């Protein structure tokens, strides 16, 4: 099976929040793309990040590391949405679900009705 390339669609629902919708595989080859995309939107002043993972088929340890980099290196919260059961299990086992859930969340209404998963 061939790995799926990662595409990242960025929307900016408000002045302080950016939503990154990922489609494909988040792995060793593509995790740096997520980190770079997040750095670009944060450089534009969007501190809060909503990472929509509903289109992600595979997330390996490099993808998990990217979440840690975004959480620790950012100036605002990171919220994961669209997390499938297998990825949720990885987040729970590694403690990342707790790390990411322990952050201040974006203001109510900041993101267009995306339920938080986790």
C-alpha atoms as a PDB file:
ATOM      1  CA  UNK A   1       0.000   0.000   0.000  1.00  0.00           C
ATOM      2  CA  UNK A   2       1.375   3.382  -1.015  1.00  0.00           C
ATOM      3  CA  UNK A   3       1.490   6.116   1.607  1.00  0.00           C
ATOM      4  CA  UNK A   4      -0.907   8.983   1.057  1.00  0.00           C
ATOM      5  CA  UNK A   5       0.594  12.411   0.627  1.00  0.00           C
ATOM      6  CA  UNK A   6      -0.434  14.935   3.227  1.00  0.00           C
ATOM      7  CA  UNK A   7      -2.458  17.946   2.232  1.00  0.00           C
ATOM      8  CA  UNK A   8      -3.105  20.777   4.646  1.00  0.00           C
ATOM      9  CA  UNK A   9      -5.997  23.142   4.086  1.00  0.00           C
ATOM     10  CA  UNK A  10      -5.748  26.270   6.212  1.00  0.00           C
ATOM     11  CA  UNK A  11      -8.719  28.426   7.126  1.00  0.00           C
ATOM     12  CA  UNK A  12      -8.811  31.338   9.500  1.00  0.00           C
ATOM     13  CA  UNK A  13     -12.218  31.473  11.218  1.00  0.00           C
ATOM     14  CA  UNK A  14     -11.219  34.519  13.266  1.00  0.00           C
ATOM     15  CA  UNK A  15      -8.287  36.834  13.878  1.00  0.00           C
ATOM     16  CA  UNK A  16      -6.617  34.625  16.480  1.00  0.00           C
ATOM     17  CA  UNK A  17      -7.453  31.092  15.334  1.00  0.00           C
ATOM     18  CA  UNK A  18      -6.296  28.995  12.402  1.00  0.00           C
ATOM     19  CA  UNK A  19      -7.823  25.671  11.431  1.00  0.00           C
ATOM     20  CA  UNK A  20      -5.572  23.175   9.678  1.00  0.00           C
ATOM     21  CA  UNK A  21      -7.488  20.336   8.012  1.00  0.00           C
ATOM     22  CA  UNK A  22      -5.178  17.418   7.289  1.00  0.00           C
ATOM     23  CA  UNK A  23      -5.830  14.771   4.662  1.00  0.00           C
ATOM     24  CA  UNK A  24      -3.503  11.812   4.090  1.00  0.00           C
ATOM     25  CA  UNK A  25      -0.809  10.285   6.266  1.00  0.00           C
ATOM     26  CA  UNK A  26       0.927  12.112   9.105  1.00  0.00           C
ATOM     27  CA  UNK A  27       4.249  10.323   9.371  1.00  0.00           C
ATOM     28  CA  UNK A  28       8.040  10.747   9.307  1.00  0.00           C
ATOM     29  CA  UNK A  29       7.974  12.252   5.822  1.00  0.00           C
ATOM     30  CA  UNK A  30       5.007  14.581   6.316  1.00  0.00           C
ATOM     31  CA  UNK A  31       5.055  15.657   9.986  1.00  0.00           C
ATOM     32  CA  UNK A  32       7.504  18.503   9.223  1.00  0.00           C
ATOM     33  CA  UNK A  33       4.908  19.902   6.806  1.00  0.00           C
ATOM     34  CA  UNK A  34       2.435  20.257   9.677  1.00  0.00           C
ATOM     35  CA  UNK A  35       5.025  21.976  11.874  1.00  0.00           C
ATOM     36  CA  UNK A  36       5.933  24.373   9.041  1.00  0.00           C
ATOM     37  CA  UNK A  37       2.294  25.161   8.226  1.00  0.00           C
ATOM     38  CA  UNK A  38       1.596  25.880  11.899  1.00  0.00           C
ATOM     39  CA  UNK A  39       4.659  28.128  12.122  1.00  0.00           C
ATOM     40  CA  UNK A  40       3.448  30.115   9.092  1.00  0.00           C
ATOM     41  CA  UNK A  41      -0.037  30.740  10.478  1.00  0.00           C
ATOM     42  CA  UNK A  42       1.357  31.630  13.880  1.00  0.00           C
ATOM     43  CA  UNK A  43       3.763  34.073  12.233  1.00  0.00           C
ATOM     44  CA  UNK A  44       0.660  35.679  10.687  1.00  0.00           C
ATOM     45  CA  UNK A  45      -0.744  36.215  14.195  1.00  0.00           C
ATOM     46  CA  UNK A  46      -3.000  33.159  14.532  1.00  0.00           C
ATOM     47  CA  UNK A  47      -2.013  31.750  17.934  1.00  0.00           C
ATOM     48  CA  UNK A  48      -4.764  29.181  18.573  1.00  0.00           C
ATOM     49  CA  UNK A  49      -4.596  26.133  16.326  1.00  0.00           C
ATOM     50  CA  UNK A  50      -7.373  23.676  15.590  1.00  0.00           C
ATOM     51  CA  UNK A  51      -5.957  20.594  13.886  1.00  0.00           C
ATOM     52  CA  UNK A  52      -8.704  18.655  12.066  1.00  0.00           C
ATOM     53  CA  UNK A  53      -7.553  15.050  11.714  1.00  0.00           C
ATOM     54  CA  UNK A  54     -10.745  13.603  10.220  1.00  0.00           C
ATOM     55  CA  UNK A  55      -8.970  13.016   6.895  1.00  0.00           C
ATOM     56  CA  UNK A  56      -5.849  11.385   8.366  1.00  0.00           C
ATOM     57  CA  UNK A  57      -5.503   7.675   7.669  1.00  0.00           C
ATOM     58  CA  UNK A  58      -2.231   7.042   9.496  1.00  0.00           C
ATOM     59  CA  UNK A  59      -0.436   8.879  12.267  1.00  0.00           C
ATOM     60  CA  UNK A  60       2.867   7.477  13.494  1.00  0.00           C
ATOM     61  CA  UNK A  61       5.249   8.571  16.236  1.00  0.00           C
ATOM     62  CA  UNK A  62       6.521  11.429  14.068  1.00  0.00           C
ATOM     63  CA  UNK A  63       2.992  12.767  13.837  1.00  0.00           C
ATOM     64  CA  UNK A  64       2.627  12.506  17.601  1.00  0.00           C
ATOM     65  CA  UNK A  65       5.947  14.338  17.972  1.00  0.00           C
ATOM     66  CA  UNK A  66       4.628  17.112  15.741  1.00  0.00           C
ATOM     67  CA  UNK A  67       1.733  17.624  18.174  1.00  0.00           C
ATOM     68  CA  UNK A  68       4.239  17.961  21.023  1.00  0.00           C
ATOM     69  CA  UNK A  69       6.299  20.469  19.024  1.00  0.00           C
ATOM     70  CA  UNK A  70       3.188  22.516  18.285  1.00  0.00           C
ATOM     71  CA  UNK A  71       2.103  22.397  21.923  1.00  0.00           C
ATOM     72  CA  UNK A  72       5.467  23.275  23.435  1.00  0.00           C
ATOM     73  CA  UNK A  73       6.704  25.728  20.837  1.00  0.00           C
ATOM     74  CA  UNK A  74       3.545  27.684  20.301  1.00  0.00           C
ATOM     75  CA  UNK A  75       2.159  30.834  21.746  1.00  0.00           C
ATOM     76  CA  UNK A  76      -1.379  29.498  21.960  1.00  0.00           C
ATOM     77  CA  UNK A  77      -3.525  26.405  22.425  1.00  0.00           C
ATOM     78  CA  UNK A  78      -3.612  23.399  20.108  1.00  0.00           C
ATOM     79  CA  UNK A  79      -6.873  21.490  19.810  1.00  0.00           C
ATOM     80  CA  UNK A  80      -7.238  18.229  17.911  1.00  0.00           C
ATOM     81  CA  UNK A  81     -10.579  17.403  16.291  1.00  0.00           C
ATOM     82  CA  UNK A  82     -11.761  14.547  14.097  1.00  0.00           C
ATOM     83  CA  UNK A  83      -9.593  12.040  15.936  1.00  0.00           C
ATOM     84  CA  UNK A  84     -10.347   8.430  14.959  1.00  0.00           C
ATOM     85  CA  UNK A  85     -10.498   5.642  17.547  1.00  0.00           C
ATOM     86  CA  UNK A  86      -7.023   4.273  16.801  1.00  0.00           C
ATOM     87  CA  UNK A  87      -5.360   7.670  17.061  1.00  0.00           C
ATOM     88  CA  UNK A  88      -7.334   8.462  20.223  1.00  0.00           C
ATOM     89  CA  UNK A  89      -5.960   5.269  21.737  1.00  0.00           C
ATOM     90  CA  UNK A  90      -2.396   6.371  20.880  1.00  0.00           C
ATOM     91  CA  UNK A  91      -3.011   9.817  22.342  1.00  0.00           C
ATOM     92  CA  UNK A  92      -4.387   8.266  25.528  1.00  0.00           C
ATOM     93  CA  UNK A  93      -1.555   5.746  25.922  1.00  0.00           C
ATOM     94  CA  UNK A  94       1.156   8.331  25.359  1.00  0.00           C
ATOM     95  CA  UNK A  95      -0.409  10.946  27.632  1.00  0.00           C
ATOM     96  CA  UNK A  96      -0.781  13.414  24.778  1.00  0.00           C
ATOM     97  CA  UNK A  97      -4.564  13.510  25.126  1.00  0.00           C
ATOM     98  CA  UNK A  98      -4.112  14.785  28.663  1.00  0.00           C
ATOM     99  CA  UNK A  99      -1.341  17.216  27.668  1.00  0.00           C
ATOM    100  CA  UNK A 100      -3.413  18.752  24.891  1.00  0.00           C
ATOM    101  CA  UNK A 101      -6.661  18.736  26.899  1.00  0.00           C
ATOM    102  CA  UNK A 102      -4.948  20.608  29.741  1.00  0.00           C
ATOM    103  CA  UNK A 103      -4.634  23.754  27.670  1.00  0.00           C
ATOM    104  CA  UNK A 104      -6.773  26.818  27.465  1.00  0.00           C
ATOM    105  CA  UNK A 105      -9.252  26.268  24.629  1.00  0.00           C
ATOM    106  CA  UNK A 106     -10.072  28.796  21.879  1.00  0.00           C
ATOM    107  CA  UNK A 107     -12.915  31.177  22.668  1.00  0.00           C
ATOM    108  CA  UNK A 108     -16.426  29.845  22.210  1.00  0.00           C
ATOM    109  CA  UNK A 109     -17.587  30.304  18.651  1.00  0.00           C
ATOM    110  CA  UNK A 110     -14.021  30.750  17.426  1.00  0.00           C
ATOM    111  CA  UNK A 111     -14.282  27.665  15.257  1.00  0.00           C
ATOM    112  CA  UNK A 112     -17.293  26.767  13.169  1.00  0.00           C
ATOM    113  CA  UNK A 113     -19.077  24.093  15.237  1.00  0.00           C
ATOM    114  CA  UNK A 114     -16.289  21.519  15.225  1.00  0.00           C
ATOM    115  CA  UNK A 115     -16.827  19.220  18.214  1.00  0.00           C
ATOM    116  CA  UNK A 116     -13.756  18.532  20.264  1.00  0.00           C
ATOM    117  CA  UNK A 117     -12.776  14.869  20.249  1.00  0.00           C
ATOM    118  CA  UNK A 118     -10.857  13.323  23.056  1.00  0.00           C
END
